[in-house]
Amino acid sequence: MCYLTRLIGCVTVTLFCSLPQAAAQESVPGEYVVVMRRNAVNIAEINALGTDAKGDWKKGLAERLLPDRDAEVIQLVGLVNAVGIRVPAEKIAPAGQPRVELMAATNEEVLLVEPNFIYYQDQTTSPDPEIPQMWFLGPIQAQPAWQVRNSSEGVVVAVIDTGVYLQHEDLADQIWVNEIEQSGEQHDDDDDNQFVDDVHGFDFFNSDPDPSADFVTRENGVQEFESHGTHVAGTIGAMGDNGKGIVGISRKITIMPIKALGGPRGSGDTINLIAAIDYAVQNGATIINASWGGWRSLAGDGTNGTRLRSHNQDDCAEQGSFVRKVCLAVGWKACLFAWKTKR
């Protein structure tokens, strides 16, 4: 049976056959993550189609999964063979008709359906401007570790967060560069990775190629630049030995900024977060840092917090589980991720 487990420094996220939650987790109204059976639909192949053909296919799939519900496919994620779907509020559960979750879950092409859950930036960190104030260096024994090795050339860490200040004096030389896009034509997808002009990563929150932090107005009215992603990136890999600011756990490493959280609450949804993970893997990240969580509960009828199996109760055993180990906290022993499935 699949479940959510928190490990030391890591979280193992099972995307299939999760148990119902005791309390409903907050989600984007009318949006769902639908994982398709690979023997029925190959999302990676669909993603490679031209714009017109892909658009026609998305319209056709939305109608097949949710006929007469005005559904729209809003995201394709090849890595987990999933789509994000949006349904108008009045079409979610019309009088006398089944809810859209049940309709999709009973479709033979579908392996799993769940709401588009919302996640939030981790609140456990705060900016530390100088090395003497970096309290965590002692507990993780960074100093003796640095005597053995203090850099990680060739390692690419994807920071999926609120965006990164790309020009920061301690980070500018550590930022990942998509060299094909950097030397290519503007407004063209030069490397054919389905993302245009993604020179330093991508912003899934705003759907643009600039993964920089935004200037936002918080719920309490405070206006400020988002800092969480920049702080996380600095903790991992602020440039060392440059006489400026702080030093990262690794003094030489590559940071791939991917913005998937933002807005007044520093939040993001499942569809964009799995798309961000997909982007990181497809573009060469060796480690993913995900300093976010999602347990802001809401009152409701319970359906909002329930992940639905497809009609076959044995699908987990037959298909295998997609399991992603994602780093939650930076330590000397980083958690490398593995992605395994039985085809």
C-alpha atoms as a PDB file:
ATOM      1  CA  MET A   1       0.000   0.000   0.000  1.00  0.00           C
ATOM      2  CA  CYS A   2       1.400   3.388  -0.963  1.00  0.00           C
ATOM      3  CA  TYR A   3       1.766   6.201   1.559  1.00  0.00           C
ATOM      4  CA  LEU A   4       3.566   9.443   2.410  1.00  0.00           C
ATOM      5  CA  THR A   5       6.649   8.970   4.590  1.00  0.00           C
ATOM      6  CA  ARG A   6       8.972  11.606   6.048  1.00  0.00           C
ATOM      7  CA  LEU A   7      12.582  10.496   6.382  1.00  0.00           C
ATOM      8  CA  ILE A   8      15.573  12.270   7.909  1.00  0.00           C
ATOM      9  CA  GLY A   9      16.433  14.999   5.449  1.00  0.00           C
ATOM     10  CA  CYS A  10      14.203  13.598   2.719  1.00  0.00           C
ATOM     11  CA  VAL A  11      10.609  12.922   1.862  1.00  0.00           C
ATOM     12  CA  THR A  12       9.540   9.933  -0.159  1.00  0.00           C
ATOM     13  CA  VAL A  13       6.512  10.954  -2.207  1.00  0.00           C
ATOM     14  CA  THR A  14       4.415   8.163  -3.673  1.00  0.00           C
ATOM     15  CA  LEU A  15       2.259   9.429  -6.486  1.00  0.00           C
ATOM     16  CA  PHE A  16      -0.015   6.390  -6.702  1.00  0.00           C
ATOM     17  CA  CYS A  17      -2.578   4.775  -4.432  1.00  0.00           C
ATOM     18  CA  SER A  18      -2.156   7.149  -1.481  1.00  0.00           C
ATOM     19  CA  LEU A  19      -4.466   6.746   1.475  1.00  0.00           C
ATOM     20  CA  PRO A  20      -7.216   9.295   2.196  1.00  0.00           C
ATOM     21  CA  GLN A  21      -6.069  12.145   4.429  1.00  0.00           C
ATOM     22  CA  ALA A  22      -7.671  12.704   7.810  1.00  0.00           C
ATOM     23  CA  ALA A  23      -8.220  16.365   7.001  1.00  0.00           C
ATOM     24  CA  ALA A  24      -8.731  17.957   3.619  1.00  0.00           C
ATOM     25  CA  GLN A  25      -5.595  19.571   2.260  1.00  0.00           C
ATOM     26  CA  GLU A  26      -6.011  22.882   0.454  1.00  0.00           C
ATOM     27  CA  SER A  27      -6.173  22.572  -3.322  1.00  0.00           C
ATOM     28  CA  VAL A  28      -6.825  24.711  -6.402  1.00  0.00           C
ATOM     29  CA  PRO A  29     -10.607  24.639  -6.997  1.00  0.00           C
ATOM     30  CA  GLY A  30     -11.564  22.778 -10.142  1.00  0.00           C
ATOM     31  CA  GLU A  31      -8.046  21.535 -10.951  1.00  0.00           C
ATOM     32  CA  TYR A  32      -6.849  17.925 -10.871  1.00  0.00           C
ATOM     33  CA  VAL A  33      -3.749  15.833 -11.506  1.00  0.00           C
ATOM     34  CA  VAL A  34      -4.598  12.841 -13.695  1.00  0.00           C
ATOM     35  CA  VAL A  35      -1.959  10.115 -14.130  1.00  0.00           C
ATOM     36  CA  MET A  36      -2.493   8.174 -17.344  1.00  0.00           C
ATOM     37  CA  ARG A  37      -1.713   4.524 -18.042  1.00  0.00           C
ATOM     38  CA  ARG A  38       1.433   4.248 -20.149  1.00  0.00           C
ATOM     39  CA  ASN A  39      -0.043   1.478 -22.285  1.00  0.00           C
ATOM     40  CA  ALA A  40      -2.900   3.841 -23.195  1.00  0.00           C
ATOM     41  CA  VAL A  41      -1.242   7.248 -23.517  1.00  0.00           C
ATOM     42  CA  ASN A  42       2.411   8.328 -23.702  1.00  0.00           C
ATOM     43  CA  ILE A  43       2.538  11.947 -22.537  1.00  0.00           C
ATOM     44  CA  ALA A  44       6.211  12.362 -23.457  1.00  0.00           C
ATOM     45  CA  GLU A  45       5.391  11.555 -27.091  1.00  0.00           C
ATOM     46  CA  ILE A  46       2.440  13.958 -27.063  1.00  0.00           C
ATOM     47  CA  ASN A  47       4.683  16.677 -25.631  1.00  0.00           C
ATOM     48  CA  ALA A  48       6.948  16.336 -28.659  1.00  0.00           C
ATOM     49  CA  LEU A  49       4.145  17.124 -31.125  1.00  0.00           C
ATOM     50  CA  GLY A  50       3.839  20.458 -32.858  1.00  0.00           C
ATOM     51  CA  THR A  51       1.746  23.207 -31.292  1.00  0.00           C
ATOM     52  CA  ASP A  52      -1.403  22.622 -33.359  1.00  0.00           C
ATOM     53  CA  ALA A  53      -1.334  18.826 -33.080  1.00  0.00           C
ATOM     54  CA  LYS A  54      -0.673  19.014 -29.356  1.00  0.00           C
ATOM     55  CA  GLY A  55      -3.541  21.451 -28.885  1.00  0.00           C
ATOM     56  CA  ASP A  56      -5.951  19.172 -30.750  1.00  0.00           C
ATOM     57  CA  TRP A  57      -4.843  16.169 -28.716  1.00  0.00           C
ATOM     58  CA  LYS A  58      -5.332  18.037 -25.421  1.00  0.00           C
ATOM     59  CA  LYS A  59      -8.865  19.007 -26.416  1.00  0.00           C
ATOM     60  CA  GLY A  60      -9.629  15.424 -27.381  1.00  0.00           C
ATOM     61  CA  LEU A  61      -8.266  13.984 -24.139  1.00  0.00           C
ATOM     62  CA  ALA A  62     -10.216  16.465 -22.009  1.00  0.00           C
ATOM     63  CA  GLU A  63     -13.434  15.451 -23.743  1.00  0.00           C
ATOM     64  CA  ARG A  64     -12.659  11.727 -23.434  1.00  0.00           C
ATOM     65  CA  LEU A  65     -11.926  11.952 -19.733  1.00  0.00           C
ATOM     66  CA  LEU A  66     -14.669  14.399 -18.788  1.00  0.00           C
ATOM     67  CA  PRO A  67     -17.315  14.599 -21.533  1.00  0.00           C
ATOM     68  CA  ASP A  68     -19.621  17.620 -21.451  1.00  0.00           C
ATOM     69  CA  ARG A  69     -17.737  19.199 -18.511  1.00  0.00           C
ATOM     70  CA  ASP A  70     -15.868  21.905 -20.504  1.00  0.00           C
ATOM     71  CA  ALA A  71     -12.594  20.486 -19.191  1.00  0.00           C
ATOM     72  CA  GLU A  72      -9.225  21.885 -20.286  1.00  0.00           C
ATOM     73  CA  VAL A  73      -5.812  20.180 -20.195  1.00  0.00           C
ATOM     74  CA  ILE A  74      -3.475  22.819 -18.735  1.00  0.00           C
ATOM     75  CA  GLN A  75      -0.217  20.883 -18.250  1.00  0.00           C
ATOM     76  CA  LEU A  76       1.549  17.814 -19.657  1.00  0.00           C
ATOM     77  CA  VAL A  77       4.178  16.053 -17.515  1.00  0.00           C
ATOM     78  CA  GLY A  78       5.989  13.294 -19.362  1.00  0.00           C
ATOM     79  CA  LEU A  79       8.078  12.082 -16.428  1.00  0.00           C
ATOM     80  CA  VAL A  80       5.065  10.772 -14.492  1.00  0.00           C
ATOM     81  CA  ASN A  81       2.810  10.410 -17.563  1.00  0.00           C
ATOM     82  CA  ALA A  82       0.316  12.861 -16.092  1.00  0.00           C
ATOM     83  CA  VAL A  83      -1.820  15.795 -17.140  1.00  0.00           C
ATOM     84  CA  GLY A  84      -3.227  18.742 -15.259  1.00  0.00           C
ATOM     85  CA  ILE A  85      -6.925  19.365 -15.931  1.00  0.00           C
ATOM     86  CA  ARG A  86      -9.121  22.372 -15.121  1.00  0.00           C
ATOM     87  CA  VAL A  87     -12.922  22.220 -14.889  1.00  0.00           C
ATOM     88  CA  PRO A  88     -15.327  25.175 -14.412  1.00  0.00           C
ATOM     89  CA  ALA A  89     -16.781  25.309 -10.892  1.00  0.00           C
ATOM     90  CA  GLU A  90     -20.333  24.712 -12.066  1.00  0.00           C
ATOM     91  CA  LYS A  91     -19.253  21.563 -13.938  1.00  0.00           C
ATOM     92  CA  ILE A  92     -17.457  19.801 -11.051  1.00  0.00           C
ATOM     93  CA  ALA A  93     -20.569  18.118  -9.652  1.00  0.00           C
ATOM     94  CA  PRO A  94     -23.759  19.126 -11.503  1.00  0.00           C
ATOM     95  CA  ALA A  95     -27.024  18.046  -9.902  1.00  0.00           C
ATOM     96  CA  GLY A  96     -27.730  14.374 -10.468  1.00  0.00           C
ATOM     97  CA  GLN A  97     -24.338  13.693 -12.068  1.00  0.00           C
ATOM     98  CA  PRO A  98     -21.095  12.208 -10.659  1.00  0.00           C
ATOM     99  CA  ARG A  99     -18.198  14.396  -9.511  1.00  0.00           C
ATOM    100  CA  VAL A 100     -15.433  14.849 -12.055  1.00  0.00           C
ATOM    101  CA  GLU A 101     -12.953  12.929  -9.864  1.00  0.00           C
ATOM    102  CA  LEU A 102     -15.113   9.802 -10.059  1.00  0.00           C
ATOM    103  CA  MET A 103     -15.667  10.226 -13.802  1.00  0.00           C
ATOM    104  CA  ALA A 104     -11.929  10.399 -14.486  1.00  0.00           C
ATOM    105  CA  ALA A 105     -10.990   7.637 -12.032  1.00  0.00           C
ATOM    106  CA  THR A 106     -13.322   5.129 -13.714  1.00  0.00           C
ATOM    107  CA  ASN A 107     -11.867   5.807 -17.170  1.00  0.00           C
ATOM    108  CA  GLU A 108      -9.795   2.848 -18.389  1.00  0.00           C
ATOM    109  CA  GLU A 109      -6.977   5.162 -19.523  1.00  0.00           C
ATOM    110  CA  VAL A 110      -6.520   6.598 -16.029  1.00  0.00           C
ATOM    111  CA  LEU A 111      -4.292   5.245 -13.250  1.00  0.00           C
ATOM    112  CA  LEU A 112      -4.864   7.892 -10.577  1.00  0.00           C
ATOM    113  CA  VAL A 113      -6.710  11.174  -9.977  1.00  0.00           C
ATOM    114  CA  GLU A 114      -6.069  13.654  -7.207  1.00  0.00           C
ATOM    115  CA  PRO A 115      -6.850  17.331  -6.527  1.00  0.00           C
ATOM    116  CA  ASN A 116      -4.249  19.917  -7.489  1.00  0.00           C
ATOM    117  CA  PHE A 117      -2.940  20.321  -3.932  1.00  0.00           C
ATOM    118  CA  ILE A 118      -1.249  23.547  -2.803  1.00  0.00           C
ATOM    119  CA  TYR A 119       2.170  23.602  -1.114  1.00  0.00           C
ATOM    120  CA  TYR A 120       3.958  26.376   0.771  1.00  0.00           C
ATOM    121  CA  GLN A 121       7.511  27.505   1.223  1.00  0.00           C
ATOM    122  CA  ASP A 122       9.153  25.963   4.278  1.00  0.00           C
ATOM    123  CA  GLN A 123       9.090  28.411   7.192  1.00  0.00           C
ATOM    124  CA  THR A 124      11.973  26.844   9.133  1.00  0.00           C
ATOM    125  CA  THR A 125      14.774  28.930   7.615  1.00  0.00           C
ATOM    126  CA  SER A 126      15.734  32.577   7.959  1.00  0.00           C
ATOM    127  CA  PRO A 127      18.465  34.631   6.236  1.00  0.00           C
ATOM    128  CA  ASP A 128      21.945  34.508   7.815  1.00  0.00           C
ATOM    129  CA  PRO A 129      24.223  37.231   6.403  1.00  0.00           C
ATOM    130  CA  GLU A 130      27.591  36.171   7.879  1.00  0.00           C
ATOM    131  CA  ILE A 131      29.399  32.860   8.386  1.00  0.00           C
ATOM    132  CA  PRO A 132      29.573  33.227  12.213  1.00  0.00           C
ATOM    133  CA  GLN A 133      25.791  33.364  12.228  1.00  0.00           C
ATOM    134  CA  MET A 134      25.427  30.173  10.191  1.00  0.00           C
ATOM    135  CA  TRP A 135      24.478  28.047  13.189  1.00  0.00           C
ATOM    136  CA  PHE A 136      23.953  24.865  11.196  1.00  0.00           C
ATOM    137  CA  LEU A 137      27.602  24.525  10.151  1.00  0.00           C
ATOM    138  CA  GLY A 138      28.484  23.074  13.560  1.00  0.00           C
ATOM    139  CA  PRO A 139      25.729  20.448  13.845  1.00  0.00           C
ATOM    140  CA  ILE A 140      26.405  19.066  10.354  1.00  0.00           C
ATOM    141  CA  GLN A 141      30.196  19.180  10.966  1.00  0.00           C
ATOM    142  CA  ALA A 142      30.828  21.254   7.871  1.00  0.00           C
ATOM    143  CA  GLN A 143      34.282  22.454   8.908  1.00  0.00           C
ATOM    144  CA  PRO A 144      35.910  19.003   9.184  1.00  0.00           C
ATOM    145  CA  ALA A 145      34.053  17.893   6.041  1.00  0.00           C
ATOM    146  CA  TRP A 146      35.476  20.862   4.159  1.00  0.00           C
ATOM    147  CA  GLN A 147      38.969  19.612   4.997  1.00  0.00           C
ATOM    148  CA  VAL A 148      38.183  16.573   2.858  1.00  0.00           C
ATOM    149  CA  ARG A 149      36.191  18.310   0.117  1.00  0.00           C
ATOM    150  CA  ASN A 150      34.479  21.679  -0.125  1.00  0.00           C
ATOM    151  CA  SER A 151      33.234  21.824  -3.712  1.00  0.00           C
ATOM    152  CA  SER A 152      31.013  19.793  -6.034  1.00  0.00           C
ATOM    153  CA  GLU A 153      31.943  20.572  -9.615  1.00  0.00           C
ATOM    154  CA  GLY A 154      29.618  18.865 -12.042  1.00  0.00           C
ATOM    155  CA  VAL A 155      26.758  18.580  -9.552  1.00  0.00           C
ATOM    156  CA  VAL A 156      23.567  20.427 -10.538  1.00  0.00           C
ATOM    157  CA  VAL A 157      21.099  21.166  -7.736  1.00  0.00           C
ATOM    158  CA  ALA A 158      17.620  22.197  -8.835  1.00  0.00           C
ATOM    159  CA  VAL A 159      16.121  24.597  -6.296  1.00  0.00           C
ATOM    160  CA  ILE A 160      12.344  24.399  -6.765  1.00  0.00           C
ATOM    161  CA  ASP A 161      11.158  27.356  -4.727  1.00  0.00           C
ATOM    162  CA  THR A 162      10.121  31.026  -4.910  1.00  0.00           C
ATOM    163  CA  GLY A 163      12.784  31.931  -7.453  1.00  0.00           C
ATOM    164  CA  VAL A 164      16.376  33.078  -7.044  1.00  0.00           C
ATOM    165  CA  TYR A 165      18.006  36.512  -7.262  1.00  0.00           C
ATOM    166  CA  LEU A 166      20.225  35.643 -10.225  1.00  0.00           C
ATOM    167  CA  GLN A 167      22.541  38.638  -9.836  1.00  0.00           C
ATOM    168  CA  HIS A 168      23.363  38.024  -6.165  1.00  0.00           C
ATOM    169  CA  GLU A 169      27.096  38.499  -5.579  1.00  0.00           C
ATOM    170  CA  ASP A 170      27.385  35.079  -3.914  1.00  0.00           C
ATOM    171  CA  LEU A 171      25.281  33.232  -6.495  1.00  0.00           C
ATOM    172  CA  ALA A 172      25.747  34.805  -9.938  1.00  0.00           C
ATOM    173  CA  ASP A 173      28.696  32.570 -10.852  1.00  0.00           C
ATOM    174  CA  GLN A 174      26.967  29.431  -9.554  1.00  0.00           C
ATOM    175  CA  ILE A 175      23.764  29.699 -11.609  1.00  0.00           C
ATOM    176  CA  TRP A 176      23.050  26.979 -14.176  1.00  0.00           C
ATOM    177  CA  VAL A 177      23.290  28.032 -17.824  1.00  0.00           C
ATOM    178  CA  ASN A 178      21.459  26.403 -20.711  1.00  0.00           C
ATOM    179  CA  GLU A 179      24.188  27.098 -23.237  1.00  0.00           C
ATOM    180  CA  ILE A 180      22.125  26.156 -26.286  1.00  0.00           C
ATOM    181  CA  GLU A 181      19.419  28.670 -25.382  1.00  0.00           C
ATOM    182  CA  GLN A 182      21.987  31.286 -24.342  1.00  0.00           C
ATOM    183  CA  SER A 183      23.670  31.184 -27.752  1.00  0.00           C
ATOM    184  CA  GLY A 184      20.459  30.580 -29.704  1.00  0.00           C
ATOM    185  CA  GLU A 185      17.734  32.749 -31.161  1.00  0.00           C
ATOM    186  CA  GLN A 186      15.472  34.717 -28.835  1.00  0.00           C
ATOM    187  CA  HIS A 187      11.840  33.525 -28.747  1.00  0.00           C
ATOM    188  CA  ASP A 188      12.875  30.121 -30.179  1.00  0.00           C
ATOM    189  CA  ASP A 189      13.079  26.758 -28.411  1.00  0.00           C
ATOM    190  CA  ASP A 190      16.647  26.195 -29.593  1.00  0.00           C
ATOM    191  CA  ASP A 191      17.240  22.978 -27.618  1.00  0.00           C
ATOM    192  CA  ASP A 192      13.774  21.482 -28.319  1.00  0.00           C
ATOM    193  CA  ASN A 193      13.025  20.882 -24.637  1.00  0.00           C
ATOM    194  CA  GLN A 194       9.530  22.428 -24.945  1.00  0.00           C
ATOM    195  CA  PHE A 195      10.624  25.629 -23.130  1.00  0.00           C
ATOM    196  CA  VAL A 196      11.521  28.841 -24.958  1.00  0.00           C
ATOM    197  CA  ASP A 197      14.484  30.976 -23.811  1.00  0.00           C
ATOM    198  CA  ASP A 198      15.043  29.018 -20.574  1.00  0.00           C
ATOM    199  CA  VAL A 199      18.628  30.216 -20.219  1.00  0.00           C
ATOM    200  CA  HIS A 200      18.800  29.865 -16.410  1.00  0.00           C
ATOM    201  CA  GLY A 201      15.786  27.678 -15.577  1.00  0.00           C
ATOM    202  CA  PHE A 202      12.055  28.284 -15.744  1.00  0.00           C
ATOM    203  CA  ASP A 203       9.220  29.989 -13.856  1.00  0.00           C
ATOM    204  CA  PHE A 204       6.218  27.663 -13.639  1.00  0.00           C
ATOM    205  CA  PHE A 205       4.378  29.997 -11.273  1.00  0.00           C
ATOM    206  CA  ASN A 206       4.201  32.791 -13.873  1.00  0.00           C
ATOM    207  CA  SER A 207       4.714  30.601 -16.962  1.00  0.00           C
ATOM    208  CA  ASP A 208       7.783  32.429 -18.249  1.00  0.00           C
ATOM    209  CA  PRO A 209      11.513  31.646 -18.676  1.00  0.00           C
ATOM    210  CA  ASP A 210      12.758  33.952 -15.898  1.00  0.00           C
ATOM    211  CA  PRO A 211      13.137  32.041 -12.581  1.00  0.00           C
ATOM    212  CA  SER A 212      13.945  35.205 -10.620  1.00  0.00           C
ATOM    213  CA  ALA A 213      12.245  36.084  -7.341  1.00  0.00           C
ATOM    214  CA  ASP A 214       9.269  38.480  -7.628  1.00  0.00           C
ATOM    215  CA  PHE A 215       8.303  41.613  -5.713  1.00  0.00           C
ATOM    216  CA  VAL A 216       5.117  40.624  -3.884  1.00  0.00           C
ATOM    217  CA  THR A 217       2.527  41.997  -1.492  1.00  0.00           C
ATOM    218  CA  ARG A 218       2.009  39.663   1.466  1.00  0.00           C
ATOM    219  CA  GLU A 219      -1.371  38.943   3.032  1.00  0.00           C
ATOM    220  CA  ASN A 220      -0.517  41.408   5.846  1.00  0.00           C
ATOM    221  CA  GLY A 221       0.151  44.180   3.304  1.00  0.00           C
ATOM    222  CA  VAL A 222       3.949  44.045   3.523  1.00  0.00           C
ATOM    223  CA  GLN A 223       5.647  44.506   0.153  1.00  0.00           C
ATOM    224  CA  GLU A 224       8.963  42.765  -0.382  1.00  0.00           C
ATOM    225  CA  PHE A 225      11.047  40.649  -2.730  1.00  0.00           C
ATOM    226  CA  GLU A 226      10.676  36.927  -2.288  1.00  0.00           C
ATOM    227  CA  SER A 227      13.766  35.730  -0.441  1.00  0.00           C
ATOM    228  CA  HIS A 228      13.143  32.105   0.450  1.00  0.00           C
ATOM    229  CA  GLY A 229      14.488  30.581  -2.775  1.00  0.00           C
ATOM    230  CA  THR A 230      17.563  32.825  -2.755  1.00  0.00           C
ATOM    231  CA  HIS A 231      18.288  31.891   0.856  1.00  0.00           C
ATOM    232  CA  VAL A 232      17.946  28.185   0.093  1.00  0.00           C
ATOM    233  CA  ALA A 233      20.247  28.508  -2.942  1.00  0.00           C
ATOM    234  CA  GLY A 234      22.785  30.384  -0.820  1.00  0.00           C
ATOM    235  CA  THR A 235      22.743  27.762   1.900  1.00  0.00           C
ATOM    236  CA  ILE A 236      23.443  25.093  -0.697  1.00  0.00           C
ATOM    237  CA  GLY A 237      26.003  26.862  -2.832  1.00  0.00           C
ATOM    238  CA  ALA A 238      26.937  30.465  -2.058  1.00  0.00           C
ATOM    239  CA  MET A 239      30.323  31.093  -3.651  1.00  0.00           C
ATOM    240  CA  GLY A 240      33.167  30.493  -1.229  1.00  0.00           C
ATOM    241  CA  ASP A 241      36.519  32.202  -0.858  1.00  0.00           C
ATOM    242  CA  ASN A 242      35.365  35.364  -2.604  1.00  0.00           C
ATOM    243  CA  GLY A 243      35.492  37.625   0.454  1.00  0.00           C
ATOM    244  CA  LYS A 244      31.763  38.356   0.250  1.00  0.00           C
ATOM    245  CA  GLY A 245      28.746  37.444   2.371  1.00  0.00           C
ATOM    246  CA  ILE A 246      28.413  33.806   3.384  1.00  0.00           C
ATOM    247  CA  VAL A 247      29.577  30.453   2.056  1.00  0.00           C
ATOM    248  CA  GLY A 248      27.421  27.554   0.893  1.00  0.00           C
ATOM    249  CA  ILE A 249      27.722  23.969   2.059  1.00  0.00           C
ATOM    250  CA  SER A 250      29.438  23.441  -1.276  1.00  0.00           C
ATOM    251  CA  ARG A 251      31.681  26.316  -2.308  1.00  0.00           C
ATOM    252  CA  LYS A 252      31.538  25.442  -6.005  1.00  0.00           C
ATOM    253  CA  ILE A 253      28.343  23.885  -7.331  1.00  0.00           C
ATOM    254  CA  THR A 254      25.726  24.617  -9.974  1.00  0.00           C
ATOM    255  CA  ILE A 255      22.290  25.907  -8.933  1.00  0.00           C
ATOM    256  CA  MET A 256      19.373  25.404 -11.349  1.00  0.00           C
ATOM    257  CA  PRO A 257      16.665  27.910 -10.270  1.00  0.00           C
ATOM    258  CA  ILE A 258      13.103  26.721 -10.898  1.00  0.00           C
ATOM    259  CA  LYS A 259      10.318  28.954  -9.639  1.00  0.00           C
ATOM    260  CA  ALA A 260       7.107  27.118  -8.737  1.00  0.00           C
ATOM    261  CA  LEU A 261       6.064  29.013  -5.596  1.00  0.00           C
ATOM    262  CA  GLY A 262       4.992  32.648  -5.317  1.00  0.00           C
ATOM    263  CA  GLY A 263       2.290  35.170  -4.567  1.00  0.00           C
ATOM    264  CA  PRO A 264       1.177  36.538  -1.178  1.00  0.00           C
ATOM    265  CA  ARG A 265       1.615  33.211   0.609  1.00  0.00           C
ATOM    266  CA  GLY A 266       4.612  31.761  -1.184  1.00  0.00           C
ATOM    267  CA  SER A 267       2.482  28.912  -2.462  1.00  0.00           C
ATOM    268  CA  GLY A 268       2.340  26.650  -5.485  1.00  0.00           C
ATOM    269  CA  ASP A 269       0.211  23.752  -6.676  1.00  0.00           C
ATOM    270  CA  THR A 270       0.843  20.105  -7.460  1.00  0.00           C
ATOM    271  CA  ILE A 271       0.542  20.494 -11.235  1.00  0.00           C
ATOM    272  CA  ASN A 272       3.270  23.129 -11.399  1.00  0.00           C
ATOM    273  CA  LEU A 273       5.460  21.392  -8.818  1.00  0.00           C
ATOM    274  CA  ILE A 274       5.533  18.069 -10.650  1.00  0.00           C
ATOM    275  CA  ALA A 275       6.144  19.964 -13.895  1.00  0.00           C
ATOM    276  CA  ALA A 276       9.093  21.652 -12.158  1.00  0.00           C
ATOM    277  CA  ILE A 277      10.462  18.284 -11.026  1.00  0.00           C
ATOM    278  CA  ASP A 278      10.010  16.987 -14.565  1.00  0.00           C
ATOM    279  CA  TYR A 279      11.919  19.995 -15.926  1.00  0.00           C
ATOM    280  CA  ALA A 280      14.767  19.469 -13.447  1.00  0.00           C
ATOM    281  CA  VAL A 281      15.209  15.813 -14.375  1.00  0.00           C
ATOM    282  CA  GLN A 282      14.925  16.371 -18.121  1.00  0.00           C
ATOM    283  CA  ASN A 283      17.508  19.162 -18.006  1.00  0.00           C
ATOM    284  CA  GLY A 284      20.217  17.375 -16.054  1.00  0.00           C
ATOM    285  CA  ALA A 285      19.687  18.094 -12.354  1.00  0.00           C
ATOM    286  CA  THR A 286      21.415  15.554 -10.118  1.00  0.00           C
ATOM    287  CA  ILE A 287      19.790  16.731  -6.872  1.00  0.00           C
ATOM    288  CA  ILE A 288      16.433  18.421  -6.243  1.00  0.00           C
ATOM    289  CA  ASN A 289      15.854  20.632  -3.217  1.00  0.00           C
ATOM    290  CA  ALA A 290      12.184  21.058  -2.262  1.00  0.00           C
ATOM    291  CA  SER A 291      11.864  23.178   0.877  1.00  0.00           C
ATOM    292  CA  TRP A 292       8.083  23.215   0.957  1.00  0.00           C
ATOM    293  CA  GLY A 293       5.171  21.456   2.607  1.00  0.00           C
ATOM    294  CA  GLY A 294       1.417  21.338   2.167  1.00  0.00           C
ATOM    295  CA  TRP A 295      -0.570  20.687   5.283  1.00  0.00           C
ATOM    296  CA  ARG A 296      -2.808  23.729   5.642  1.00  0.00           C
ATOM    297  CA  SER A 297      -6.092  21.950   6.304  1.00  0.00           C
ATOM    298  CA  LEU A 298      -9.528  23.155   5.290  1.00  0.00           C
ATOM    299  CA  ALA A 299     -12.991  22.094   6.375  1.00  0.00           C
ATOM    300  CA  GLY A 300     -14.917  20.285   3.668  1.00  0.00           C
ATOM    301  CA  ASP A 301     -16.683  17.136   2.613  1.00  0.00           C
ATOM    302  CA  GLY A 302     -13.474  15.105   2.558  1.00  0.00           C
ATOM    303  CA  THR A 303     -13.334  14.605  -1.192  1.00  0.00           C
ATOM    304  CA  ASN A 304     -10.836  17.455  -1.504  1.00  0.00           C
ATOM    305  CA  GLY A 305      -8.231  15.546   0.472  1.00  0.00           C
ATOM    306  CA  THR A 306      -8.751  12.102  -1.034  1.00  0.00           C
ATOM    307  CA  ARG A 307      -6.608  10.662  -3.782  1.00  0.00           C
ATOM    308  CA  LEU A 308      -8.690   8.339  -5.914  1.00  0.00           C
ATOM    309  CA  ARG A 309      -7.577   5.025  -7.335  1.00  0.00           C
ATOM    310  CA  SER A 310      -8.657   3.954 -10.768  1.00  0.00           C
ATOM    311  CA  HIS A 311     -11.255   1.215 -11.135  1.00  0.00           C
ATOM    312  CA  ASN A 312      -8.724  -1.618 -10.736  1.00  0.00           C
ATOM    313  CA  GLN A 313      -7.734  -2.043  -7.075  1.00  0.00           C
ATOM    314  CA  ASP A 314      -4.599  -3.974  -8.067  1.00  0.00           C
ATOM    315  CA  ASP A 315      -3.111  -1.246 -10.259  1.00  0.00           C
ATOM    316  CA  CYS A 316      -0.348  -0.475  -7.790  1.00  0.00           C
ATOM    317  CA  ALA A 317       0.906  -4.040  -7.843  1.00  0.00           C
ATOM    318  CA  GLU A 318       0.592  -4.286 -11.625  1.00  0.00           C
ATOM    319  CA  GLN A 319       2.123  -0.970 -12.606  1.00  0.00           C
ATOM    320  CA  GLY A 320       4.682  -0.351  -9.870  1.00  0.00           C
ATOM    321  CA  SER A 321       5.060   2.961  -8.063  1.00  0.00           C
ATOM    322  CA  PHE A 322       6.774   6.132  -9.207  1.00  0.00           C
ATOM    323  CA  VAL A 323       8.801   7.179  -6.167  1.00  0.00           C
ATOM    324  CA  ARG A 324      10.752  10.408  -5.901  1.00  0.00           C
ATOM    325  CA  LYS A 325      13.165  11.095  -3.064  1.00  0.00           C
ATOM    326  CA  VAL A 326      13.529  14.842  -2.825  1.00  0.00           C
ATOM    327  CA  CYS A 327      15.919  16.723  -0.573  1.00  0.00           C
ATOM    328  CA  LEU A 328      14.112  18.785   2.071  1.00  0.00           C
ATOM    329  CA  ALA A 329      17.075  20.023   4.080  1.00  0.00           C
ATOM    330  CA  VAL A 330      20.652  20.728   3.093  1.00  0.00           C
ATOM    331  CA  GLY A 331      23.265  18.569   4.780  1.00  0.00           C
ATOM    332  CA  TRP A 332      26.695  17.237   3.970  1.00  0.00           C
ATOM    333  CA  LYS A 333      25.170  13.909   2.961  1.00  0.00           C
ATOM    334  CA  ALA A 334      22.806  15.003   0.229  1.00  0.00           C
ATOM    335  CA  CYS A 335      19.884  12.811  -0.734  1.00  0.00           C
ATOM    336  CA  LEU A 336      20.131  11.739  -4.350  1.00  0.00           C
ATOM    337  CA  PHE A 337      16.826  10.911  -5.941  1.00  0.00           C
ATOM    338  CA  ALA A 338      15.783   7.723  -7.711  1.00  0.00           C
ATOM    339  CA  TRP A 339      12.922   7.167 -10.108  1.00  0.00           C
ATOM    340  CA  LYS A 340      11.889   3.571 -10.671  1.00  0.00           C
ATOM    341  CA  THR A 341       8.886   1.981 -12.299  1.00  0.00           C
ATOM    342  CA  LYS A 342       7.933  -1.468 -13.472  1.00  0.00           C
ATOM    343  CA  ARG A 343       6.869  -1.148 -17.104  1.00  0.00           C
END
